[in-house]
PDB file of all heavy atoms in Angstrom:
ATOM      1  N   ARG A   1      99.360  42.333  42.152  1.00  0.00           N
ATOM      2  CA  ARG A   1     100.297  41.866  43.147  1.00  0.00           C
ATOM      3  C   ARG A   1     101.452  41.008  42.407  1.00  0.00           C
ATOM      4  O   ARG A   1     102.628  41.138  42.828  1.00  0.00           O
ATOM      5  CB  ARG A   1      99.723  41.039  44.097  1.00  0.00           C
ATOM      6  CG  ARG A   1      98.767  41.958  45.118  1.00  0.00           C
ATOM      7  CD  ARG A   1      98.286  41.222  46.316  1.00  0.00           C
ATOM      8  NE  ARG A   1      97.586  42.023  47.180  1.00  0.00           N
ATOM      9  CZ  ARG A   1      98.025  42.757  48.077  1.00  0.00           C
ATOM     10  NH1 ARG A   1      99.424  42.748  48.344  1.00  0.00           N
ATOM     11  NH2 ARG A   1      97.320  43.583  48.842  1.00  0.00           N
ATOM     12  N   ALA A   2     101.069  40.282  41.397  1.00  0.00           N
ATOM     13  CA  ALA A   2     102.109  39.560  40.541  1.00  0.00           C
ATOM     14  C   ALA A   2     102.984  40.453  39.934  1.00  0.00           C
ATOM     15  O   ALA A   2     104.290  40.235  39.925  1.00  0.00           O
ATOM     16  CB  ALA A   2     101.337  38.611  39.561  1.00  0.00           C
ATOM     17  N   CYS A   3     102.501  41.621  39.370  1.00  0.00           N
ATOM     18  CA  CYS A   3     103.395  42.615  38.697  1.00  0.00           C
ATOM     19  C   CYS A   3     104.354  43.308  39.655  1.00  0.00           C
ATOM     20  O   CYS A   3     105.606  43.386  39.475  1.00  0.00           O
ATOM     21  CB  CYS A   3     102.470  43.706  38.125  1.00  0.00           C
ATOM     22  SG  CYS A   3     101.630  43.089  36.541  1.00  0.00           S
ATOM     23  N   LEU A   4     103.812  43.479  40.989  1.00  0.00           N
ATOM     24  CA  LEU A   4     104.668  44.163  41.908  1.00  0.00           C
ATOM     25  C   LEU A   4     105.712  43.122  42.450  1.00  0.00           C
ATOM     26  O   LEU A   4     106.834  43.606  42.837  1.00  0.00           O
ATOM     27  CB  LEU A   4     103.833  44.614  43.123  1.00  0.00           C
ATOM     28  CG  LEU A   4     102.913  45.846  42.932  1.00  0.00           C
ATOM     29  CD1 LEU A   4     101.888  45.817  44.056  1.00  0.00           C
ATOM     30  CD2 LEU A   4     103.706  47.009  42.902  1.00  0.00           C
ATOM     31  N   ALA A   5     105.466  41.891  42.373  1.00  0.00           N
ATOM     32  CA  ALA A   5     106.480  40.884  42.877  1.00  0.00           C
ATOM     33  C   ALA A   5     107.382  40.309  41.708  1.00  0.00           C
ATOM     34  O   ALA A   5     108.295  39.506  41.922  1.00  0.00           O
ATOM     35  CB  ALA A   5     105.651  39.670  43.404  1.00  0.00           C
ATOM     36  N   ASP A   6     107.324  40.905  40.500  1.00  0.00           N
ATOM     37  CA  ASP A   6     108.131  40.544  39.393  1.00  0.00           C
ATOM     38  C   ASP A   6     109.475  41.163  39.402  1.00  0.00           C
ATOM     39  O   ASP A   6     109.573  42.232  38.789  1.00  0.00           O
ATOM     40  CB  ASP A   6     107.247  40.819  38.117  1.00  0.00           C
ATOM     41  CG  ASP A   6     107.867  40.120  36.847  1.00  0.00           C
ATOM     42  OD1 ASP A   6     109.109  39.808  36.839  1.00  0.00           O
ATOM     43  OD2 ASP A   6     107.193  39.859  35.850  1.00  0.00           O
ATOM     44  N   GLN A   7     110.447  40.449  39.914  1.00  0.00           N
ATOM     45  CA  GLN A   7     111.821  41.051  39.885  1.00  0.00           C
ATOM     46  C   GLN A   7     112.324  41.270  38.580  1.00  0.00           C
ATOM     47  O   GLN A   7     113.069  42.340  38.316  1.00  0.00           O
ATOM     48  CB  GLN A   7     112.752  40.107  40.813  1.00  0.00           C
ATOM     49  CG  GLN A   7     114.200  40.538  40.761  1.00  0.00           C
ATOM     50  CD  GLN A   7     114.417  41.847  41.573  1.00  0.00           C
ATOM     51  OE1 GLN A   7     113.657  42.111  42.433  1.00  0.00           O
ATOM     52  NE2 GLN A   7     115.467  42.556  41.246  1.00  0.00           N
ATOM     53  N   LYS A   8     112.137  40.356  37.643  1.00  0.00           N
ATOM     54  CA  LYS A   8     112.644  40.479  36.353  1.00  0.00           C
ATOM     55  C   LYS A   8     112.097  41.801  35.642  1.00  0.00           C
ATOM     56  O   LYS A   8     112.915  42.522  34.866  1.00  0.00           O
ATOM     57  CB  LYS A   8     112.422  39.250  35.386  1.00  0.00           C
ATOM     58  CG  LYS A   8     112.921  39.323  34.061  1.00  0.00           C
ATOM     59  CD  LYS A   8     112.651  37.975  33.299  1.00  0.00           C
ATOM     60  CE  LYS A   8     113.177  38.053  31.902  1.00  0.00           C
ATOM     61  NZ  LYS A   8     112.898  36.792  31.100  1.00  0.00           N
ATOM     62  N   GLN A   9     110.860  41.916  35.731  1.00  0.00           N
ATOM     63  CA  GLN A   9     110.204  43.200  35.175  1.00  0.00           C
ATOM     64  C   GLN A   9     110.744  44.413  35.802  1.00  0.00           C
ATOM     65  O   GLN A   9     110.886  45.435  35.146  1.00  0.00           O
ATOM     66  CB  GLN A   9     108.627  43.048  35.342  1.00  0.00           C
ATOM     67  CG  GLN A   9     107.930  44.192  34.728  1.00  0.00           C
ATOM     68  CD  GLN A   9     108.229  44.552  33.316  1.00  0.00           C
ATOM     69  OE1 GLN A   9     108.472  43.692  32.555  1.00  0.00           O
ATOM     70  NE2 GLN A   9     108.165  45.794  32.859  1.00  0.00           N
ATOM     71  N   LEU A  10     111.038  44.440  37.118  1.00  0.00           N
ATOM     72  CA  LEU A  10     111.555  45.589  37.772  1.00  0.00           C
ATOM     73  C   LEU A  10     112.835  45.881  37.130  1.00  0.00           C
ATOM     74  O   LEU A  10     113.205  47.066  36.930  1.00  0.00           O
ATOM     75  CB  LEU A  10     111.724  45.234  39.235  1.00  0.00           C
ATOM     76  CG  LEU A  10     111.988  46.404  40.170  1.00  0.00           C
ATOM     77  CD1 LEU A  10     111.690  46.027  41.591  1.00  0.00           C
ATOM     78  CD2 LEU A  10     113.474  46.758  40.125  1.00  0.00           C
ATOM     79  N   GLU A  11     113.714  44.878  36.947  1.00  0.00           N
ATOM     80  CA  GLU A  11     115.025  45.153  36.293  1.00  0.00           C
ATOM     81  C   GLU A  11     114.910  45.667  34.889  1.00  0.00           C
ATOM     82  O   GLU A  11     115.658  46.607  34.502  1.00  0.00           O
ATOM     83  CB  GLU A  11     115.850  43.773  36.285  1.00  0.00           C
ATOM     84  CG  GLU A  11     116.202  43.322  37.706  1.00  0.00           C
ATOM     85  CD  GLU A  11     116.793  41.949  37.783  1.00  0.00           C
ATOM     86  OE1 GLU A  11     117.029  41.414  36.705  1.00  0.00           O
ATOM     87  OE2 GLU A  11     117.053  41.455  38.827  1.00  0.00           O
ATOM     88  N   ILE A  12     114.112  45.114  34.101  1.00  0.00           N
ATOM     89  CA  ILE A  12     113.754  45.615  32.766  1.00  0.00           C
ATOM     90  C   ILE A  12     113.260  47.116  32.798  1.00  0.00           C
ATOM     91  O   ILE A  12     113.793  47.877  32.089  1.00  0.00           O
ATOM     92  CB  ILE A  12     112.731  44.749  32.041  1.00  0.00           C
ATOM     93  CG1 ILE A  12     113.365  43.360  31.746  1.00  0.00           C
ATOM     94  CG2 ILE A  12     112.362  45.452  30.710  1.00  0.00           C
ATOM     95  CD1 ILE A  12     112.360  42.348  31.252  1.00  0.00           C
ATOM     96  N   MET A  13     112.323  47.377  33.651  1.00  0.00           N
ATOM     97  CA  MET A  13     111.715  48.673  33.874  1.00  0.00           C
ATOM     98  C   MET A  13     112.731  49.649  34.344  1.00  0.00           C
ATOM     99  O   MET A  13     112.645  50.904  33.940  1.00  0.00           O
ATOM    100  CB  MET A  13     110.616  48.581  34.869  1.00  0.00           C
ATOM    101  CG  MET A  13     109.818  49.751  35.125  1.00  0.00           C
ATOM    102  SD  MET A  13     108.696  49.541  36.507  1.00  0.00           S
ATOM    103  CE  MET A  13     109.932  49.670  37.892  1.00  0.00           C
ATOM    104  N   ALA A  14     113.781  49.268  35.086  1.00  0.00           N
ATOM    105  CA  ALA A  14     114.771  50.215  35.558  1.00  0.00           C
ATOM    106  C   ALA A  14     115.891  50.649  34.608  1.00  0.00           C
ATOM    107  O   ALA A  14     116.551  51.639  34.751  1.00  0.00           O
ATOM    108  CB  ALA A  14     115.393  49.673  36.836  1.00  0.00           C
ATOM    109  N   LYS A  15     115.892  49.866  33.486  1.00  0.00           N
ATOM    110  CA  LYS A  15     117.049  50.048  32.556  1.00  0.00           C
ATOM    111  C   LYS A  15     116.978  51.457  31.906  1.00  0.00           C
ATOM    112  O   LYS A  15     118.055  52.045  31.710  1.00  0.00           O
ATOM    113  CB  LYS A  15     117.104  48.902  31.479  1.00  0.00           C
ATOM    114  CG  LYS A  15     117.597  47.627  32.031  1.00  0.00           C
ATOM    115  CD  LYS A  15     117.706  46.548  30.954  1.00  0.00           C
ATOM    116  CE  LYS A  15     118.152  45.199  31.532  1.00  0.00           C
ATOM    117  NZ  LYS A  15     118.215  44.209  30.544  1.00  0.00           N
ATOM    118  N   PRO A  16     115.857  52.044  31.369  1.00  0.00           N
ATOM    119  CA  PRO A  16     115.861  53.307  30.847  1.00  0.00           C
ATOM    120  C   PRO A  16     116.421  54.338  31.878  1.00  0.00           C
ATOM    121  O   PRO A  16     116.961  55.349  31.398  1.00  0.00           O
ATOM    122  CB  PRO A  16     114.367  53.498  30.494  1.00  0.00           C
ATOM    123  CG  PRO A  16     113.812  52.241  30.254  1.00  0.00           C
ATOM    124  CD  PRO A  16     114.463  51.274  31.323  1.00  0.00           C
ATOM    125  N   THR A  17     115.998  54.218  33.221  1.00  0.00           N
ATOM    126  CA  THR A  17     116.571  55.294  34.177  1.00  0.00           C
ATOM    127  C   THR A  17     118.001  55.153  34.151  1.00  0.00           C
ATOM    128  O   THR A  17     118.778  56.050  34.171  1.00  0.00           O
ATOM    129  CB  THR A  17     115.946  54.899  35.430  1.00  0.00           C
ATOM    130  OG1 THR A  17     114.427  55.132  35.410  1.00  0.00           O
ATOM    131  CG2 THR A  17     116.386  55.844  36.567  1.00  0.00           C
ATOM    132  N   GLU A  18     118.575  53.920  34.262  1.00  0.00           N
ATOM    133  CA  GLU A  18     119.935  53.776  34.392  1.00  0.00           C
ATOM    134  C   GLU A  18     120.646  54.284  33.233  1.00  0.00           C
ATOM    135  O   GLU A  18     121.667  54.835  33.457  1.00  0.00           O
ATOM    136  CB  GLU A  18     120.239  52.172  34.549  1.00  0.00           C
ATOM    137  CG  GLU A  18     121.751  52.000  34.800  1.00  0.00           C
ATOM    138  CD  GLU A  18     121.888  50.405  35.003  1.00  0.00           C
ATOM    139  OE1 GLU A  18     121.027  49.575  34.785  1.00  0.00           O
ATOM    140  OE2 GLU A  18     123.057  50.136  35.555  1.00  0.00           O
ATOM    141  N   SER A  19     120.273  53.858  32.066  1.00  0.00           N
ATOM    142  CA  SER A  19     120.945  54.395  30.764  1.00  0.00           C
ATOM    143  C   SER A  19     120.899  55.880  30.619  1.00  0.00           C
ATOM    144  O   SER A  19     121.911  56.454  30.288  1.00  0.00           O
ATOM    145  CB  SER A  19     120.414  53.778  29.563  1.00  0.00           C
ATOM    146  OG  SER A  19     119.007  53.946  29.341  1.00  0.00           O
ATOM    147  N   ALA A  20     119.698  56.480  30.952  1.00  0.00           N
ATOM    148  CA  ALA A  20     119.581  57.975  30.768  1.00  0.00           C
ATOM    149  C   ALA A  20     120.472  58.630  31.861  1.00  0.00           C
ATOM    150  O   ALA A  20     121.086  59.720  31.479  1.00  0.00           O
ATOM    151  CB  ALA A  20     118.214  58.375  31.010  1.00  0.00           C
ATOM    152  N   MET A  21     120.571  58.151  32.981  1.00  0.00           N
ATOM    153  CA  MET A  21     121.430  58.609  33.959  1.00  0.00           C
ATOM    154  C   MET A  21     122.995  58.532  33.627  1.00  0.00           C
ATOM    155  O   MET A  21     123.693  59.539  33.768  1.00  0.00           O
ATOM    156  CB  MET A  21     121.323  57.946  35.375  1.00  0.00           C
ATOM    157  CG  MET A  21     119.903  58.236  36.025  1.00  0.00           C
ATOM    158  SD  MET A  21     119.758  57.362  37.614  1.00  0.00           S
ATOM    159  CE  MET A  21     121.163  58.052  38.600  1.00  0.00           C
ATOM    160  N   GLN A  22     123.352  57.418  33.068  1.00  0.00           N
ATOM    161  CA  GLN A  22     124.678  57.237  32.749  1.00  0.00           C
ATOM    162  C   GLN A  22     125.104  58.062  31.570  1.00  0.00           C
ATOM    163  O   GLN A  22     126.280  58.444  31.530  1.00  0.00           O
ATOM    164  CB  GLN A  22     124.934  55.672  32.476  1.00  0.00           C
ATOM    165  CG  GLN A  22     124.889  54.897  33.758  1.00  0.00           C
ATOM    166  CD  GLN A  22     125.014  53.397  33.412  1.00  0.00           C
ATOM    167  OE1 GLN A  22     124.880  52.893  32.303  1.00  0.00           O
ATOM    168  NE2 GLN A  22     125.325  52.559  34.440  1.00  0.00           N
ATOM    169  N   SER A  23     124.200  58.229  30.650  1.00  0.00           N
ATOM    170  CA  SER A  23     124.558  59.099  29.500  1.00  0.00           C
ATOM    171  C   SER A  23     124.361  60.511  29.804  1.00  0.00           C
ATOM    172  O   SER A  23     124.943  61.392  29.006  1.00  0.00           O
ATOM    173  CB  SER A  23     123.571  58.684  28.365  1.00  0.00           C
ATOM    174  OG  SER A  23     122.337  59.120  28.559  1.00  0.00           O
ATOM    175  N   GLY A  24     123.862  61.009  30.862  1.00  0.00           N
ATOM    176  CA  GLY A  24     123.688  62.417  31.247  1.00  0.00           C
ATOM    177  C   GLY A  24     122.396  62.967  30.458  1.00  0.00           C
ATOM    178  O   GLY A  24     122.286  64.138  30.488  1.00  0.00           O
ATOM    179  N   THR A  25     121.676  62.149  29.819  1.00  0.00           N
ATOM    180  CA  THR A  25     120.463  62.748  28.976  1.00  0.00           C
ATOM    181  C   THR A  25     119.476  63.280  29.985  1.00  0.00           C
ATOM    182  O   THR A  25     118.930  64.335  29.565  1.00  0.00           O
ATOM    183  CB  THR A  25     119.801  61.513  28.239  1.00  0.00           C
ATOM    184  OG1 THR A  25     120.788  60.886  27.432  1.00  0.00           O
ATOM    185  CG2 THR A  25     118.597  62.033  27.402  1.00  0.00           C
ATOM    186  N   VAL A  26     119.205  62.633  31.058  1.00  0.00           N
ATOM    187  CA  VAL A  26     118.264  63.170  32.114  1.00  0.00           C
ATOM    188  C   VAL A  26     118.920  63.482  33.432  1.00  0.00           C
ATOM    189  O   VAL A  26     119.579  62.690  34.067  1.00  0.00           O
ATOM    190  CB  VAL A  26     117.250  62.189  32.254  1.00  0.00           C
ATOM    191  CG1 VAL A  26     116.091  62.541  33.158  1.00  0.00           C
ATOM    192  CG2 VAL A  26     116.653  61.677  30.929  1.00  0.00           C
ATOM    193  N   THR A  27     118.737  64.751  33.829  1.00  0.00           N
ATOM    194  CA  THR A  27     119.192  65.157  35.102  1.00  0.00           C
ATOM    195  C   THR A  27     118.093  65.572  35.957  1.00  0.00           C
ATOM    196  O   THR A  27     118.168  65.843  37.281  1.00  0.00           O
ATOM    197  CB  THR A  27     120.104  66.379  35.081  1.00  0.00           C
ATOM    198  OG1 THR A  27     119.505  67.333  34.252  1.00  0.00           O
ATOM    199  CG2 THR A  27     121.350  65.889  34.289  1.00  0.00           C
TER     200      THR A  27
END
């Protein structure tokens, strides 16, 4: 539950998705 509530970790975890989408690497 602490992991699920960790906003900072959520932001870190989402970065690979964001960068891959922006670069067009992953569709």
